[in-house]
PDB file of N, CA and C in Angstrom:
ATOM      1  N   UNK A   1     103.513 110.688  83.549  1.00  0.00           N
ATOM      2  CA  UNK A   1     104.225 109.575  84.123  1.00  0.00           C
ATOM      3  C   UNK A   1     103.358 108.338  83.990  1.00  0.00           C
ATOM      4  N   UNK A   2     103.387 107.692  82.870  1.00  0.00           N
ATOM      5  CA  UNK A   2     102.562 106.514  82.630  1.00  0.00           C
ATOM      6  C   UNK A   2     103.316 105.255  83.019  1.00  0.00           C
ATOM      7  N   UNK A   3     102.538 104.216  83.368  1.00  0.00           N
ATOM      8  CA  UNK A   3     103.151 102.933  83.640  1.00  0.00           C
ATOM      9  C   UNK A   3     103.724 102.775  85.034  1.00  0.00           C
ATOM     10  N   UNK A   4     103.292 103.603  85.989  1.00  0.00           N
ATOM     11  CA  UNK A   4     103.757 103.433  87.360  1.00  0.00           C
ATOM     12  C   UNK A   4     103.188 102.151  87.922  1.00  0.00           C
ATOM     13  N   UNK A   5     103.927 101.563  88.836  1.00  0.00           N
ATOM     14  CA  UNK A   5     103.463 100.338  89.466  1.00  0.00           C
ATOM     15  C   UNK A   5     102.659 100.711  90.690  1.00  0.00           C
ATOM     16  N   UNK A   6     101.440 100.241  90.755  1.00  0.00           N
ATOM     17  CA  UNK A   6     100.548 100.580  91.855  1.00  0.00           C
ATOM     18  C   UNK A   6     100.519  99.485  92.889  1.00  0.00           C
ATOM     19  N   UNK A   7      99.495  99.518  93.776  1.00  0.00           N
ATOM     20  CA  UNK A   7      99.364  98.497  94.797  1.00  0.00           C
ATOM     21  C   UNK A   7      99.151  97.133  94.156  1.00  0.00           C
ATOM     22  N   UNK A   8      99.715  96.134  94.764  1.00  0.00           N
ATOM     23  CA  UNK A   8      99.617  94.746  94.322  1.00  0.00           C
ATOM     24  C   UNK A   8     100.229  94.541  92.937  1.00  0.00           C
ATOM     25  N   UNK A   9     101.155  95.403  92.544  1.00  0.00           N
ATOM     26  CA  UNK A   9     101.897  95.204  91.320  1.00  0.00           C
ATOM     27  C   UNK A   9     101.146  95.541  90.039  1.00  0.00           C
ATOM     28  N   UNK A  10      99.949  96.103  90.141  1.00  0.00           N
ATOM     29  CA  UNK A  10      99.205  96.440  88.932  1.00  0.00           C
ATOM     30  C   UNK A  10      99.726  97.744  88.356  1.00  0.00           C
ATOM     31  N   UNK A  11      99.598  97.873  87.065  1.00  0.00           N
ATOM     32  CA  UNK A  11     100.026  99.099  86.401  1.00  0.00           C
ATOM     33  C   UNK A  11      98.979 100.179  86.630  1.00  0.00           C
ATOM     34  N   UNK A  12      99.431 101.360  86.965  1.00  0.00           N
ATOM     35  CA  UNK A  12      98.533 102.492  87.143  1.00  0.00           C
ATOM     36  C   UNK A  12      98.683 103.404  85.937  1.00  0.00           C
ATOM     37  N   UNK A  13      97.570 103.742  85.344  1.00  0.00           N
ATOM     38  CA  UNK A  13      97.589 104.664  84.225  1.00  0.00           C
ATOM     39  C   UNK A  13      97.319 106.061  84.772  1.00  0.00           C
ATOM     40  N   UNK A  14      98.245 106.940  84.631  1.00  0.00           N
ATOM     41  CA  UNK A  14      98.056 108.310  85.074  1.00  0.00           C
ATOM     42  C   UNK A  14      97.538 109.162  83.931  1.00  0.00           C
ATOM     43  N   UNK A  15      96.950 110.291  84.252  1.00  0.00           N
ATOM     44  CA  UNK A  15      96.450 111.154  83.189  1.00  0.00           C
ATOM     45  C   UNK A  15      97.607 111.773  82.411  1.00  0.00           C
ATOM     46  N   UNK A  16      97.424 111.889  81.125  1.00  0.00           N
ATOM     47  CA  UNK A  16      98.435 112.547  80.319  1.00  0.00           C
ATOM     48  C   UNK A  16      98.166 114.040  80.331  1.00  0.00           C
ATOM     49  N   UNK A  17      99.038 114.784  79.756  1.00  0.00           N
ATOM     50  CA  UNK A  17      98.908 116.231  79.750  1.00  0.00           C
ATOM     51  C   UNK A  17      97.638 116.635  79.013  1.00  0.00           C
ATOM     52  N   UNK A  18      96.828 117.480  79.638  1.00  0.00           N
ATOM     53  CA  UNK A  18      95.599 117.950  79.036  1.00  0.00           C
ATOM     54  C   UNK A  18      94.420 117.005  79.220  1.00  0.00           C
ATOM     55  N   UNK A  19      94.641 115.868  79.834  1.00  0.00           N
ATOM     56  CA  UNK A  19      93.584 114.887  80.046  1.00  0.00           C
ATOM     57  C   UNK A  19      92.998 115.099  81.437  1.00  0.00           C
ATOM     58  N   UNK A  20      91.699 115.234  81.538  1.00  0.00           N
ATOM     59  CA  UNK A  20      91.047 115.465  82.824  1.00  0.00           C
ATOM     60  C   UNK A  20      90.595 114.146  83.422  1.00  0.00           C
ATOM     61  N   UNK A  21      90.680 114.052  84.737  1.00  0.00           N
ATOM     62  CA  UNK A  21      90.190 112.857  85.421  1.00  0.00           C
ATOM     63  C   UNK A  21      89.055 113.266  86.339  1.00  0.00           C
ATOM     64  N   UNK A  22      88.141 112.344  86.555  1.00  0.00           N
ATOM     65  CA  UNK A  22      87.021 112.594  87.433  1.00  0.00           C
ATOM     66  C   UNK A  22      87.195 111.740  88.677  1.00  0.00           C
ATOM     67  N   UNK A  23      87.118 112.356  89.840  1.00  0.00           N
ATOM     68  CA  UNK A  23      87.269 111.612  91.081  1.00  0.00           C
ATOM     69  C   UNK A  23      86.013 110.786  91.338  1.00  0.00           C
ATOM     70  N   UNK A  24      86.118 109.821  92.253  1.00  0.00           N
ATOM     71  CA  UNK A  24      84.963 109.006  92.602  1.00  0.00           C
ATOM     72  C   UNK A  24      83.840 109.866  93.168  1.00  0.00           C
ATOM     73  N   UNK A  25      84.210 110.869  93.962  1.00  0.00           N
ATOM     74  CA  UNK A  25      83.194 111.758  94.522  1.00  0.00           C
ATOM     75  C   UNK A  25      82.442 112.470  93.417  1.00  0.00           C
ATOM     76  N   UNK A  26      83.162 112.966  92.426  1.00  0.00           N
ATOM     77  CA  UNK A  26      82.511 113.652  91.311  1.00  0.00           C
ATOM     78  C   UNK A  26      81.614 112.698  90.536  1.00  0.00           C
ATOM     79  N   UNK A  27      82.045 111.451  90.360  1.00  0.00           N
ATOM     80  CA  UNK A  27      81.215 110.467  89.664  1.00  0.00           C
ATOM     81  C   UNK A  27      79.919 110.204  90.435  1.00  0.00           C
ATOM     82  N   UNK A  28      80.033 110.037  91.745  1.00  0.00           N
ATOM     83  CA  UNK A  28      78.844 109.802  92.562  1.00  0.00           C
ATOM     84  C   UNK A  28      77.923 111.017  92.544  1.00  0.00           C
ATOM     85  N   UNK A  29      78.499 112.217  92.618  1.00  0.00           N
ATOM     86  CA  UNK A  29      77.667 113.415  92.600  1.00  0.00           C
ATOM     87  C   UNK A  29      76.940 113.573  91.275  1.00  0.00           C
ATOM     88  N   UNK A  30      77.617 113.265  90.174  1.00  0.00           N
ATOM     89  CA  UNK A  30      76.964 113.321  88.863  1.00  0.00           C
ATOM     90  C   UNK A  30      75.826 112.301  88.787  1.00  0.00           C
ATOM     91  N   UNK A  31      76.072 111.091  89.266  1.00  0.00           N
ATOM     92  CA  UNK A  31      75.035 110.061  89.237  1.00  0.00           C
ATOM     93  C   UNK A  31      73.836 110.477  90.085  1.00  0.00           C
ATOM     94  N   UNK A  32      74.118 111.027  91.274  1.00  0.00           N
ATOM     95  CA  UNK A  32      73.023 111.489  92.132  1.00  0.00           C
ATOM     96  C   UNK A  32      72.263 112.640  91.501  1.00  0.00           C
ATOM     97  N   UNK A  33      72.969 113.543  90.836  1.00  0.00           N
ATOM     98  CA  UNK A  33      72.311 114.663  90.167  1.00  0.00           C
ATOM     99  C   UNK A  33      71.416 114.170  89.026  1.00  0.00           C
ATOM    100  N   UNK A  34      71.910 113.212  88.259  1.00  0.00           N
ATOM    101  CA  UNK A  34      71.099 112.672  87.159  1.00  0.00           C
ATOM    102  C   UNK A  34      69.867 111.944  87.679  1.00  0.00           C
ATOM    103  N   UNK A  35      70.071 111.086  88.694  1.00  0.00           N
ATOM    104  CA  UNK A  35      68.935 110.372  89.271  1.00  0.00           C
ATOM    105  C   UNK A  35      67.947 111.328  89.935  1.00  0.00           C
ATOM    106  N   UNK A  36      68.479 112.325  90.625  1.00  0.00           N
ATOM    107  CA  UNK A  36      67.602 113.303  91.276  1.00  0.00           C
ATOM    108  C   UNK A  36      66.806 114.120  90.289  1.00  0.00           C
ATOM    109  N   UNK A  37      67.435 114.505  89.201  1.00  0.00           N
ATOM    110  CA  UNK A  37      66.698 115.289  88.209  1.00  0.00           C
ATOM    111  C   UNK A  37      65.653 114.423  87.502  1.00  0.00           C
ATOM    112  N   UNK A  38      65.973 113.150  87.254  1.00  0.00           N
ATOM    113  CA  UNK A  38      64.973 112.254  86.658  1.00  0.00           C
ATOM    114  C   UNK A  38      63.804 112.050  87.616  1.00  0.00           C
ATOM    115  N   UNK A  39      64.122 111.869  88.915  1.00  0.00           N
ATOM    116  CA  UNK A  39      63.058 111.708  89.912  1.00  0.00           C
ATOM    117  C   UNK A  39      62.186 112.956  89.981  1.00  0.00           C
ATOM    118  N   UNK A  40      62.834 114.128  90.006  1.00  0.00           N
ATOM    119  CA  UNK A  40      62.074 115.377  90.080  1.00  0.00           C
ATOM    120  C   UNK A  40      61.205 115.564  88.842  1.00  0.00           C
ATOM    121  N   UNK A  41      61.741 115.244  87.676  1.00  0.00           N
ATOM    122  CA  UNK A  41      60.967 115.385  86.447  1.00  0.00           C
ATOM    123  C   UNK A  41      59.747 114.468  86.458  1.00  0.00           C
ATOM    124  N   UNK A  42      59.918 113.245  86.936  1.00  0.00           N
ATOM    125  CA  UNK A  42      58.802 112.310  86.958  1.00  0.00           C
ATOM    126  C   UNK A  42      57.755 112.682  88.002  1.00  0.00           C
ATOM    127  N   UNK A  43      58.198 113.122  89.176  1.00  0.00           N
ATOM    128  CA  UNK A  43      57.233 113.431  90.231  1.00  0.00           C
ATOM    129  C   UNK A  43      56.552 114.776  90.035  1.00  0.00           C
ATOM    130  N   UNK A  44      57.204 115.704  89.366  1.00  0.00           N
ATOM    131  CA  UNK A  44      56.608 117.031  89.189  1.00  0.00           C
ATOM    132  C   UNK A  44      55.784 117.141  87.910  1.00  0.00           C
ATOM    133  N   UNK A  45      55.641 116.048  87.168  1.00  0.00           N
ATOM    134  CA  UNK A  45      54.702 116.037  86.063  1.00  0.00           C
ATOM    135  C   UNK A  45      55.287 116.281  84.691  1.00  0.00           C
ATOM    136  N   UNK A  46      56.559 116.006  84.469  1.00  0.00           N
ATOM    137  CA  UNK A  46      57.128 116.164  83.127  1.00  0.00           C
ATOM    138  C   UNK A  46      56.492 115.148  82.178  1.00  0.00           C
ATOM    139  N   UNK A  47      56.153 113.978  82.695  1.00  0.00           N
ATOM    140  CA  UNK A  47      55.429 112.964  81.936  1.00  0.00           C
ATOM    141  C   UNK A  47      54.073 112.767  82.590  1.00  0.00           C
ATOM    142  N   UNK A  48      53.110 112.403  81.787  1.00  0.00           N
ATOM    143  CA  UNK A  48      51.770 112.185  82.329  1.00  0.00           C
ATOM    144  C   UNK A  48      51.690 110.770  82.875  1.00  0.00           C
ATOM    145  N   UNK A  49      51.979 110.629  84.160  1.00  0.00           N
ATOM    146  CA  UNK A  49      51.953 109.323  84.819  1.00  0.00           C
ATOM    147  C   UNK A  49      50.673 109.173  85.623  1.00  0.00           C
ATOM    148  N   UNK A  50      50.198 107.955  85.768  1.00  0.00           N
ATOM    149  CA  UNK A  50      49.033 107.740  86.639  1.00  0.00           C
ATOM    150  C   UNK A  50      49.370 108.117  88.083  1.00  0.00           C
ATOM    151  N   UNK A  51      48.357 108.459  88.837  1.00  0.00           N
ATOM    152  CA  UNK A  51      48.588 108.896  90.219  1.00  0.00           C
ATOM    153  C   UNK A  51      49.187 107.779  91.068  1.00  0.00           C
ATOM    154  N   UNK A  52      48.884 106.526  90.759  1.00  0.00           N
ATOM    155  CA  UNK A  52      49.459 105.419  91.543  1.00  0.00           C
ATOM    156  C   UNK A  52      50.978 105.367  91.367  1.00  0.00           C
ATOM    157  N   UNK A  53      51.488 105.690  90.169  1.00  0.00           N
ATOM    158  CA  UNK A  53      52.945 105.730  89.952  1.00  0.00           C
ATOM    159  C   UNK A  53      53.565 106.897  90.708  1.00  0.00           C
ATOM    160  N   UNK A  54      52.877 108.032  90.722  1.00  0.00           N
ATOM    161  CA  UNK A  54      53.407 109.197  91.453  1.00  0.00           C
ATOM    162  C   UNK A  54      53.460 108.921  92.954  1.00  0.00           C
ATOM    163  N   UNK A  55      52.472 108.192  93.463  1.00  0.00           N
ATOM    164  CA  UNK A  55      52.460 107.859  94.888  1.00  0.00           C
ATOM    165  C   UNK A  55      53.645 106.969  95.253  1.00  0.00           C
ATOM    166  N   UNK A  56      54.084 106.147  94.321  1.00  0.00           N
ATOM    167  CA  UNK A  56      55.249 105.293  94.567  1.00  0.00           C
ATOM    168  C   UNK A  56      56.533 106.102  94.405  1.00  0.00           C
ATOM    169  N   UNK A  57      56.543 107.056  93.482  1.00  0.00           N
ATOM    170  CA  UNK A  57      57.756 107.831  93.206  1.00  0.00           C
ATOM    171  C   UNK A  57      58.110 108.816  94.319  1.00  0.00           C
ATOM    172  N   UNK A  58      57.121 109.389  95.001  1.00  0.00           N
ATOM    173  CA  UNK A  58      57.422 110.404  96.020  1.00  0.00           C
ATOM    174  C   UNK A  58      58.339 109.883  97.119  1.00  0.00           C
ATOM    175  N   UNK A  59      58.051 108.732  97.737  1.00  0.00           N
ATOM    176  CA  UNK A  59      58.946 108.263  98.815  1.00  0.00           C
ATOM    177  C   UNK A  59      60.150 107.465  98.316  1.00  0.00           C
ATOM    178  N   UNK A  60      60.324 107.334  97.007  1.00  0.00           N
ATOM    179  CA  UNK A  60      61.405 106.515  96.471  1.00  0.00           C
ATOM    180  C   UNK A  60      62.794 106.905  96.986  1.00  0.00           C
ATOM    181  N   UNK A  61      63.163 108.202  97.082  1.00  0.00           N
ATOM    182  CA  UNK A  61      64.493 108.526  97.624  1.00  0.00           C
ATOM    183  C   UNK A  61      64.697 108.025  99.055  1.00  0.00           C
ATOM    184  N   UNK A  62      63.660 108.093  99.871  1.00  0.00           N
ATOM    185  CA  UNK A  62      63.786 107.595 101.245  1.00  0.00           C
ATOM    186  C   UNK A  62      63.989 106.088 101.246  1.00  0.00           C
ATOM    187  N   UNK A  63      63.250 105.380 100.390  1.00  0.00           N
ATOM    188  CA  UNK A  63      63.425 103.929 100.301  1.00  0.00           C
ATOM    189  C   UNK A  63      64.838 103.582  99.837  1.00  0.00           C
ATOM    190  N   UNK A  64      65.327 104.306  98.855  1.00  0.00           N
ATOM    191  CA  UNK A  64      66.676 104.042  98.354  1.00  0.00           C
ATOM    192  C   UNK A  64      67.730 104.329  99.415  1.00  0.00           C
ATOM    193  N   UNK A  65      67.539 105.396 100.187  1.00  0.00           N
ATOM    194  CA  UNK A  65      68.487 105.735 101.253  1.00  0.00           C
ATOM    195  C   UNK A  65      68.502 104.659 102.337  1.00  0.00           C
ATOM    196  N   UNK A  66      67.327 104.188 102.733  1.00  0.00           N
ATOM    197  CA  UNK A  66      67.250 103.134 103.746  1.00  0.00           C
ATOM    198  C   UNK A  66      67.855 101.845 103.203  1.00  0.00           C
ATOM    199  N   UNK A  67      67.594 101.541 101.938  1.00  0.00           N
ATOM    200  CA  UNK A  67      68.161 100.334 101.326  1.00  0.00           C
ATOM    201  C   UNK A  67      69.689 100.409 101.271  1.00  0.00           C
ATOM    202  N   UNK A  68      70.217 101.572 100.907  1.00  0.00           N
ATOM    203  CA  UNK A  68      71.673 101.737 100.857  1.00  0.00           C
ATOM    204  C   UNK A  68      72.280 101.595 102.254  1.00  0.00           C
ATOM    205  N   UNK A  69      71.617 102.127 103.265  1.00  0.00           N
ATOM    206  CA  UNK A  69      72.096 101.986 104.640  1.00  0.00           C
ATOM    207  C   UNK A  69      72.088 100.538 105.099  1.00  0.00           C
ATOM    208  N   UNK A  70      71.025  99.805 104.762  1.00  0.00           N
ATOM    209  CA  UNK A  70      70.959  98.378 105.121  1.00  0.00           C
ATOM    210  C   UNK A  70      72.050  97.593 104.418  1.00  0.00           C
ATOM    211  N   UNK A  71      72.279  97.906 103.143  1.00  0.00           N
ATOM    212  CA  UNK A  71      73.333  97.221 102.396  1.00  0.00           C
ATOM    213  C   UNK A  71      74.700  97.499 103.019  1.00  0.00           C
ATOM    214  N   UNK A  72      74.956  98.767 103.376  1.00  0.00           N
ATOM    215  CA  UNK A  72      76.242  99.123 103.982  1.00  0.00           C
ATOM    216  C   UNK A  72      76.423  98.418 105.322  1.00  0.00           C
ATOM    217  N   UNK A  73      75.380  98.392 106.126  1.00  0.00           N
ATOM    218  CA  UNK A  73      75.454  97.722 107.422  1.00  0.00           C
ATOM    219  C   UNK A  73      75.668  96.224 107.263  1.00  0.00           C
ATOM    220  N   UNK A  74      74.984  95.610 106.321  1.00  0.00           N
ATOM    221  CA  UNK A  74      75.154  94.181 106.078  1.00  0.00           C
ATOM    222  C   UNK A  74      76.561  93.884 105.562  1.00  0.00           C
ATOM    223  N   UNK A  75      77.091  94.739 104.705  1.00  0.00           N
ATOM    224  CA  UNK A  75      78.441  94.537 104.172  1.00  0.00           C
ATOM    225  C   UNK A  75      79.477  94.625 105.277  1.00  0.00           C
ATOM    226  N   UNK A  76      79.362  95.639 106.137  1.00  0.00           N
ATOM    227  CA  UNK A  76      80.306  95.776 107.252  1.00  0.00           C
ATOM    228  C   UNK A  76      80.195  94.576 108.190  1.00  0.00           C
ATOM    229  N   UNK A  77      78.973  94.165 108.491  1.00  0.00           N
ATOM    230  CA  UNK A  77      78.785  93.004 109.361  1.00  0.00           C
ATOM    231  C   UNK A  77      79.376  91.740 108.772  1.00  0.00           C
ATOM    232  N   UNK A  78      79.178  91.524 107.488  1.00  0.00           N
ATOM    233  CA  UNK A  78      79.736  90.345 106.826  1.00  0.00           C
ATOM    234  C   UNK A  78      81.257  90.377 106.833  1.00  0.00           C
ATOM    235  N   UNK A  79      81.827  91.535 106.536  1.00  0.00           N
ATOM    236  CA  UNK A  79      83.296  91.643 106.498  1.00  0.00           C
ATOM    237  C   UNK A  79      83.903  91.442 107.884  1.00  0.00           C
ATOM    238  N   UNK A  80      83.228  91.941 108.921  1.00  0.00           N
ATOM    239  CA  UNK A  80      83.730  91.730 110.282  1.00  0.00           C
ATOM    240  C   UNK A  80      83.616  90.252 110.662  1.00  0.00           C
ATOM    241  N   UNK A  81      82.509  89.625 110.275  1.00  0.00           N
ATOM    242  CA  UNK A  81      82.303  88.219 110.633  1.00  0.00           C
ATOM    243  C   UNK A  81      83.275  87.299 109.914  1.00  0.00           C
ATOM    244  N   UNK A  82      83.703  87.658 108.712  1.00  0.00           N
ATOM    245  CA  UNK A  82      84.582  86.779 107.943  1.00  0.00           C
ATOM    246  C   UNK A  82      86.019  87.272 107.918  1.00  0.00           C
ATOM    247  N   UNK A  83      86.365  88.155 108.838  1.00  0.00           N
ATOM    248  CA  UNK A  83      87.724  88.696 108.896  1.00  0.00           C
ATOM    249  C   UNK A  83      88.684  87.600 109.318  1.00  0.00           C
ATOM    250  N   UNK A  84      89.759  87.437 108.582  1.00  0.00           N
ATOM    251  CA  UNK A  84      90.743  86.406 108.895  1.00  0.00           C
ATOM    252  C   UNK A  84      91.862  87.002 109.739  1.00  0.00           C
ATOM    253  N   UNK A  85      92.180  86.289 110.830  1.00  0.00           N
ATOM    254  CA  UNK A  85      93.300  86.712 111.665  1.00  0.00           C
ATOM    255  C   UNK A  85      94.608  86.348 110.976  1.00  0.00           C
ATOM    256  N   UNK A  86      95.621  87.134 111.227  1.00  0.00           N
ATOM    257  CA  UNK A  86      96.945  86.884 110.642  1.00  0.00           C
ATOM    258  C   UNK A  86      97.880  86.501 111.776  1.00  0.00           C
ATOM    259  N   UNK A  87      97.869  85.210 112.136  1.00  0.00           N
ATOM    260  CA  UNK A  87      98.669  84.754 113.266  1.00  0.00           C
ATOM    261  C   UNK A  87     100.161  84.947 113.016  1.00  0.00           C
ATOM    262  N   UNK A  88     100.618  84.688 111.796  1.00  0.00           N
ATOM    263  CA  UNK A  88     102.045  84.846 111.484  1.00  0.00           C
ATOM    264  C   UNK A  88     102.482  86.300 111.647  1.00  0.00           C
ATOM    265  N   UNK A  89     101.665  87.211 111.139  1.00  0.00           N
ATOM    266  CA  UNK A  89     102.002  88.624 111.253  1.00  0.00           C
ATOM    267  C   UNK A  89     101.963  89.067 112.717  1.00  0.00           C
ATOM    268  N   UNK A  90     101.016  88.538 113.484  1.00  0.00           N
ATOM    269  CA  UNK A  90     100.938  88.886 114.904  1.00  0.00           C
ATOM    270  C   UNK A  90     102.175  88.409 115.651  1.00  0.00           C
ATOM    271  N   UNK A  91     102.609  87.182 115.358  1.00  0.00           N
ATOM    272  CA  UNK A  91     103.824  86.679 116.010  1.00  0.00           C
ATOM    273  C   UNK A  91     105.041  87.510 115.618  1.00  0.00           C
ATOM    274  N   UNK A  92     105.152  87.863 114.346  1.00  0.00           N
ATOM    275  CA  UNK A  92     106.271  88.684 113.895  1.00  0.00           C
ATOM    276  C   UNK A  92     106.263  90.047 114.582  1.00  0.00           C
ATOM    277  N   UNK A  93     105.075  90.639 114.697  1.00  0.00           N
ATOM    278  CA  UNK A  93     104.969  91.942 115.359  1.00  0.00           C
ATOM    279  C   UNK A  93     105.340  91.834 116.835  1.00  0.00           C
ATOM    280  N   UNK A  94     104.907  90.775 117.507  1.00  0.00           N
ATOM    281  CA  UNK A  94     105.255  90.587 118.916  1.00  0.00           C
ATOM    282  C   UNK A  94     106.760  90.421 119.093  1.00  0.00           C
ATOM    283  N   UNK A  95     107.395  89.696 118.182  1.00  0.00           N
ATOM    284  CA  UNK A  95     108.851  89.535 118.297  1.00  0.00           C
ATOM    285  C   UNK A  95     109.562  90.866 118.051  1.00  0.00           C
ATOM    286  N   UNK A  96     109.063  91.667 117.124  1.00  0.00           N
ATOM    287  CA  UNK A  96     109.656  92.986 116.892  1.00  0.00           C
ATOM    288  C   UNK A  96     109.472  93.891 118.106  1.00  0.00           C
ATOM    289  N   UNK A  97     108.333  93.786 118.769  1.00  0.00           N
ATOM    290  CA  UNK A  97     108.096  94.576 119.976  1.00  0.00           C
ATOM    291  C   UNK A  97     109.072  94.157 121.071  1.00  0.00           C
ATOM    292  N   UNK A  98     109.272  92.849 121.232  1.00  0.00           N
ATOM    293  CA  UNK A  98     110.215  92.360 122.238  1.00  0.00           C
ATOM    294  C   UNK A  98     111.638  92.830 121.932  1.00  0.00           C
ATOM    295  N   UNK A  99     112.034  92.799 120.654  1.00  0.00           N
ATOM    296  CA  UNK A  99     113.361  93.290 120.269  1.00  0.00           C
ATOM    297  C   UNK A  99     113.507  94.772 120.568  1.00  0.00           C
ATOM    298  N   UNK A 100     112.465  95.544 120.266  1.00  0.00           N
ATOM    299  CA  UNK A 100     112.516  96.983 120.512  1.00  0.00           C
ATOM    300  C   UNK A 100     112.590  97.271 122.008  1.00  0.00           C
ATOM    301  N   UNK A 101     111.839  96.525 122.816  1.00  0.00           N
ATOM    302  CA  UNK A 101     111.893  96.711 124.271  1.00  0.00           C
ATOM    303  C   UNK A 101     113.282  96.374 124.810  1.00  0.00           C
ATOM    304  N   UNK A 102     113.849  95.272 124.307  1.00  0.00           N
ATOM    305  CA  UNK A 102     115.188  94.877 124.769  1.00  0.00           C
ATOM    306  C   UNK A 102     116.198  95.950 124.379  1.00  0.00           C
ATOM    307  N   UNK A 103     116.099  96.481 123.184  1.00  0.00           N
ATOM    308  CA  UNK A 103     117.017  97.524 122.732  1.00  0.00           C
ATOM    309  C   UNK A 103     116.868  98.789 123.581  1.00  0.00           C
ATOM    310  N   UNK A 104     115.628  99.167 123.859  1.00  0.00           N
ATOM    311  CA  UNK A 104     115.406 100.362 124.678  1.00  0.00           C
ATOM    312  C   UNK A 104     115.862 100.132 126.112  1.00  0.00           C
ATOM    313  N   UNK A 105     115.696  98.906 126.625  1.00  0.00           N
ATOM    314  CA  UNK A 105     116.169  98.607 127.985  1.00  0.00           C
ATOM    315  C   UNK A 105     117.687  98.721 128.059  1.00  0.00           C
ATOM    316  N   UNK A 106     118.391  98.266 127.022  1.00  0.00           N
ATOM    317  CA  UNK A 106     119.850  98.398 126.986  1.00  0.00           C
ATOM    318  C   UNK A 106     120.258  99.862 126.970  1.00  0.00           C
ATOM    319  N   UNK A 107     119.427 100.707 126.407  1.00  0.00           N
ATOM    320  CA  UNK A 107     119.755 102.132 126.337  1.00  0.00           C
ATOM    321  C   UNK A 107     119.283 102.900 127.554  1.00  0.00           C
ATOM    322  N   UNK A 108     118.722 102.215 128.550  1.00  0.00           N
ATOM    323  CA  UNK A 108     118.408 102.843 129.816  1.00  0.00           C
ATOM    324  C   UNK A 108     116.949 103.183 130.021  1.00  0.00           C
ATOM    325  N   UNK A 109     116.052 102.812 129.141  1.00  0.00           N
ATOM    326  CA  UNK A 109     114.637 103.116 129.338  1.00  0.00           C
ATOM    327  C   UNK A 109     114.012 102.024 130.193  1.00  0.00           C
ATOM    328  N   UNK A 110     113.148 102.439 131.161  1.00  0.00           N
ATOM    329  CA  UNK A 110     112.478 101.481 132.018  1.00  0.00           C
ATOM    330  C   UNK A 110     111.018 101.354 131.597  1.00  0.00           C
ATOM    331  N   UNK A 111     110.501 100.125 131.725  1.00  0.00           N
ATOM    332  CA  UNK A 111     109.090  99.871 131.399  1.00  0.00           C
ATOM    333  C   UNK A 111     108.323  99.542 132.626  1.00  0.00           C
TER     334      UNK A 111
END
């Protein structure tokens, strides 16, 4: 089923028969596996690196994890700080709530 219309009117390309797709989780896991194996190879001596490089490589995963956490926290904070209110949508929703309450009151429900 090719050419479906997705969110915001963009065309979505679906997989054809026999075509495999990789989920985002699988992509991230593959990337982590590749980076982890490269890190393990470098720290366990696959290449002859100076000891000063090995000392930097050992804590590198912890540094990357802390950096990713800081980035995620900063992104969430920025998005919350710059969140735009939708006054028109809020007014429309309030009017729909009032209509629903009036309709339910006519049908005998008490609030």
